[in-house]
Amino acid sequence: MFHKEGFKIIAFSFLMSTSLVISFEILINSENIKSLFQILTLIQFLLILWFFRNPKRNTIPNDELIISPVDGKVVAIEKVYEKEYFKDDEIIINGGIKTTEDVKSHLSKVDGVMIGRAGYHLSLIHI
């Protein structure tokens, strides 16, 4: 339902929103202003939930297609001749791959994965 990396932010936002609503209830005397601030706080919390939603994706199973599990942009899927080690044609994918889970998912369908700058942020890659 929600992206795994958003749980901490959602929990923190829930606690902050709850404490703000309670604070508005205690500190503000005017019902109109109190209601306005509480509604704005609720809208802000709902926007945070919407941002971290994990929408259901309807895909058509097809063995001839490579469906990327990442939400980034796939730059290239290319067939290249690798002459140094494999001495054969290999299919590689490049673009939007940031985690080892993405790499493992792609390697089940293609021969190679280019992770680019994301590799600098991963401490160790064990596949």
C-alpha atoms as a PDB file:
ATOM      1  CA  MET A   1       0.000   0.000   0.000  1.00  0.00           C
ATOM      2  CA  PHE A   2       2.833   2.398   0.867  1.00  0.00           C
ATOM      3  CA  HIS A   3       6.458   2.391  -0.258  1.00  0.00           C
ATOM      4  CA  LYS A   4       8.771   0.791   2.304  1.00  0.00           C
ATOM      5  CA  GLU A   5      11.038   3.831   2.483  1.00  0.00           C
ATOM      6  CA  GLY A   6       8.133   6.067   3.468  1.00  0.00           C
ATOM      7  CA  PHE A   7       7.099   4.282   6.667  1.00  0.00           C
ATOM      8  CA  LYS A   8       9.349   6.342   8.972  1.00  0.00           C
ATOM      9  CA  ILE A   9       8.204   9.612   7.429  1.00  0.00           C
ATOM     10  CA  ILE A  10       4.555   8.540   7.548  1.00  0.00           C
ATOM     11  CA  ALA A  11       4.853   7.544  11.220  1.00  0.00           C
ATOM     12  CA  PHE A  12       6.606  10.819  12.083  1.00  0.00           C
ATOM     13  CA  SER A  13       4.027  12.820  10.119  1.00  0.00           C
ATOM     14  CA  PHE A  14       1.188  11.002  11.857  1.00  0.00           C
ATOM     15  CA  LEU A  15       2.625  11.833  15.292  1.00  0.00           C
ATOM     16  CA  MET A  16       3.227  15.462  14.325  1.00  0.00           C
ATOM     17  CA  SER A  17      -0.232  15.831  12.768  1.00  0.00           C
ATOM     18  CA  THR A  18      -1.883  14.306  15.828  1.00  0.00           C
ATOM     19  CA  SER A  19       0.024  16.554  18.207  1.00  0.00           C
ATOM     20  CA  LEU A  20      -0.787  19.615  16.087  1.00  0.00           C
ATOM     21  CA  VAL A  21      -4.502  18.804  16.017  1.00  0.00           C
ATOM     22  CA  ILE A  22      -4.508  18.327  19.801  1.00  0.00           C
ATOM     23  CA  SER A  23      -2.516  21.547  20.277  1.00  0.00           C
ATOM     24  CA  PHE A  24      -4.959  23.478  18.106  1.00  0.00           C
ATOM     25  CA  GLU A  25      -7.821  22.066  20.154  1.00  0.00           C
ATOM     26  CA  ILE A  26      -6.245  23.229  23.403  1.00  0.00           C
ATOM     27  CA  LEU A  27      -4.659  26.565  22.385  1.00  0.00           C
ATOM     28  CA  ILE A  28      -7.059  28.135  19.892  1.00  0.00           C
ATOM     29  CA  ASN A  29     -10.380  29.490  21.125  1.00  0.00           C
ATOM     30  CA  SER A  30     -11.995  30.412  17.807  1.00  0.00           C
ATOM     31  CA  GLU A  31     -13.815  27.401  16.358  1.00  0.00           C
ATOM     32  CA  ASN A  32     -13.405  28.613  12.755  1.00  0.00           C
ATOM     33  CA  ILE A  33      -9.635  29.100  12.990  1.00  0.00           C
ATOM     34  CA  LYS A  34      -9.239  25.858  14.945  1.00  0.00           C
ATOM     35  CA  SER A  35     -11.170  23.931  12.288  1.00  0.00           C
ATOM     36  CA  LEU A  36      -9.192  25.593   9.476  1.00  0.00           C
ATOM     37  CA  PHE A  37      -5.834  24.612  10.989  1.00  0.00           C
ATOM     38  CA  GLN A  38      -7.015  21.083  11.720  1.00  0.00           C
ATOM     39  CA  ILE A  39      -8.274  20.632   8.155  1.00  0.00           C
ATOM     40  CA  LEU A  40      -4.999  22.002   6.739  1.00  0.00           C
ATOM     41  CA  THR A  41      -3.048  19.590   8.956  1.00  0.00           C
ATOM     42  CA  LEU A  42      -5.195  16.687   7.759  1.00  0.00           C
ATOM     43  CA  ILE A  43      -4.698  17.717   4.119  1.00  0.00           C
ATOM     44  CA  GLN A  44      -0.932  17.880   4.650  1.00  0.00           C
ATOM     45  CA  PHE A  45      -0.919  14.380   6.162  1.00  0.00           C
ATOM     46  CA  LEU A  46      -3.051  13.022   3.310  1.00  0.00           C
ATOM     47  CA  LEU A  47      -0.626  14.532   0.772  1.00  0.00           C
ATOM     48  CA  ILE A  48       2.258  12.741   2.497  1.00  0.00           C
ATOM     49  CA  LEU A  49       0.308   9.472   2.322  1.00  0.00           C
ATOM     50  CA  TRP A  50      -0.434  10.108  -1.347  1.00  0.00           C
ATOM     51  CA  PHE A  51       3.248  10.812  -2.077  1.00  0.00           C
ATOM     52  CA  PHE A  52       4.383   7.466  -0.613  1.00  0.00           C
ATOM     53  CA  ARG A  53       1.579   5.393  -2.115  1.00  0.00           C
ATOM     54  CA  ASN A  54       2.571   2.281  -3.996  1.00  0.00           C
ATOM     55  CA  PRO A  55       0.034   2.117  -6.813  1.00  0.00           C
ATOM     56  CA  LYS A  56      -1.066  -1.171  -8.276  1.00  0.00           C
ATOM     57  CA  ARG A  57       0.446  -1.691 -11.699  1.00  0.00           C
ATOM     58  CA  ASN A  58      -1.421  -3.771 -14.225  1.00  0.00           C
ATOM     59  CA  THR A  59       1.047  -5.475 -16.519  1.00  0.00           C
ATOM     60  CA  ILE A  60       0.493  -7.968 -19.274  1.00  0.00           C
ATOM     61  CA  PRO A  61       2.736 -11.028 -18.864  1.00  0.00           C
ATOM     62  CA  ASN A  62       4.915 -11.457 -21.939  1.00  0.00           C
ATOM     63  CA  ASP A  63       8.191 -13.364 -22.049  1.00  0.00           C
ATOM     64  CA  GLU A  64       9.467 -11.181 -24.880  1.00  0.00           C
ATOM     65  CA  LEU A  65       9.123  -7.947 -22.889  1.00  0.00           C
ATOM     66  CA  ILE A  66      11.293  -6.677 -20.055  1.00  0.00           C
ATOM     67  CA  ILE A  67       9.142  -4.789 -17.579  1.00  0.00           C
ATOM     68  CA  SER A  68      11.206  -2.571 -15.328  1.00  0.00           C
ATOM     69  CA  PRO A  69      10.369  -2.685 -11.604  1.00  0.00           C
ATOM     70  CA  VAL A  70      11.919   0.736 -11.110  1.00  0.00           C
ATOM     71  CA  ASP A  71      10.062   3.996 -11.388  1.00  0.00           C
ATOM     72  CA  GLY A  72      12.987   5.713 -13.062  1.00  0.00           C
ATOM     73  CA  LYS A  73      13.748   5.950 -16.721  1.00  0.00           C
ATOM     74  CA  VAL A  74      15.207   2.960 -18.518  1.00  0.00           C
ATOM     75  CA  VAL A  75      17.828   4.507 -20.773  1.00  0.00           C
ATOM     76  CA  ALA A  76      18.770   1.518 -22.889  1.00  0.00           C
ATOM     77  CA  ILE A  77      18.303  -2.185 -23.365  1.00  0.00           C
ATOM     78  CA  GLU A  78      21.001  -3.248 -25.780  1.00  0.00           C
ATOM     79  CA  LYS A  79      22.457  -6.371 -27.271  1.00  0.00           C
ATOM     80  CA  VAL A  80      26.243  -6.047 -27.191  1.00  0.00           C
ATOM     81  CA  TYR A  81      29.095  -8.360 -28.037  1.00  0.00           C
ATOM     82  CA  GLU A  82      31.231  -8.892 -24.937  1.00  0.00           C
ATOM     83  CA  LYS A  83      34.637  -9.986 -26.233  1.00  0.00           C
ATOM     84  CA  GLU A  84      36.784 -10.056 -23.089  1.00  0.00           C
ATOM     85  CA  TYR A  85      35.144 -12.671 -20.819  1.00  0.00           C
ATOM     86  CA  PHE A  86      32.049 -14.243 -22.365  1.00  0.00           C
ATOM     87  CA  LYS A  87      32.911 -13.875 -26.055  1.00  0.00           C
ATOM     88  CA  ASP A  88      29.213 -13.816 -26.862  1.00  0.00           C
ATOM     89  CA  ASP A  89      26.252 -11.485 -27.362  1.00  0.00           C
ATOM     90  CA  GLU A  90      24.882 -10.168 -24.070  1.00  0.00           C
ATOM     91  CA  ILE A  91      21.742  -8.144 -23.315  1.00  0.00           C
ATOM     92  CA  ILE A  92      22.311  -5.280 -20.851  1.00  0.00           C
ATOM     93  CA  ILE A  93      19.981  -2.739 -19.276  1.00  0.00           C
ATOM     94  CA  ASN A  94      20.881   0.777 -18.152  1.00  0.00           C
ATOM     95  CA  GLY A  95      18.994   3.475 -16.281  1.00  0.00           C
ATOM     96  CA  GLY A  96      17.118   4.026 -13.034  1.00  0.00           C
ATOM     97  CA  ILE A  97      18.626   1.052 -11.215  1.00  0.00           C
ATOM     98  CA  LYS A  98      19.435   2.058  -7.659  1.00  0.00           C
ATOM     99  CA  THR A  99      19.167  -0.917  -5.322  1.00  0.00           C
ATOM    100  CA  THR A 100      20.491  -4.452  -5.189  1.00  0.00           C
ATOM    101  CA  GLU A 101      16.885  -5.688  -5.329  1.00  0.00           C
ATOM    102  CA  ASP A 102      16.487  -3.923  -8.691  1.00  0.00           C
ATOM    103  CA  VAL A 103      19.737  -5.480  -9.928  1.00  0.00           C
ATOM    104  CA  LYS A 104      18.634  -8.985  -8.894  1.00  0.00           C
ATOM    105  CA  SER A 105      15.247  -8.497 -10.513  1.00  0.00           C
ATOM    106  CA  HIS A 106      16.781  -7.359 -13.798  1.00  0.00           C
ATOM    107  CA  LEU A 107      19.452 -10.063 -13.845  1.00  0.00           C
ATOM    108  CA  SER A 108      16.729 -12.695 -13.922  1.00  0.00           C
ATOM    109  CA  LYS A 109      15.778 -11.382 -17.384  1.00  0.00           C
ATOM    110  CA  VAL A 110      18.953  -9.872 -18.890  1.00  0.00           C
ATOM    111  CA  ASP A 111      22.666 -10.697 -18.881  1.00  0.00           C
ATOM    112  CA  GLY A 112      24.004  -7.444 -17.436  1.00  0.00           C
ATOM    113  CA  VAL A 113      22.947  -4.388 -15.460  1.00  0.00           C
ATOM    114  CA  MET A 114      24.603  -0.967 -15.421  1.00  0.00           C
ATOM    115  CA  ILE A 115      24.015   0.862 -12.145  1.00  0.00           C
ATOM    116  CA  GLY A 116      26.010   4.022 -12.851  1.00  0.00           C
ATOM    117  CA  ARG A 117      26.242   6.645 -10.102  1.00  0.00           C
ATOM    118  CA  ALA A 118      23.984   4.686  -7.757  1.00  0.00           C
ATOM    119  CA  GLY A 119      26.924   2.319  -7.239  1.00  0.00           C
ATOM    120  CA  TYR A 120      28.768   5.024  -5.326  1.00  0.00           C
ATOM    121  CA  HIS A 121      26.011   5.121  -2.716  1.00  0.00           C
ATOM    122  CA  LEU A 122      25.831   1.367  -2.180  1.00  0.00           C
ATOM    123  CA  SER A 123      28.432   0.267   0.351  1.00  0.00           C
ATOM    124  CA  LEU A 124      28.768  -3.311  -0.943  1.00  0.00           C
ATOM    125  CA  ILE A 125      27.017  -5.102  -3.739  1.00  0.00           C
ATOM    126  CA  HIS A 126      26.602  -8.861  -3.288  1.00  0.00           C
ATOM    127  CA  ILE A 127      24.549 -10.526  -5.958  1.00  0.00           C
END
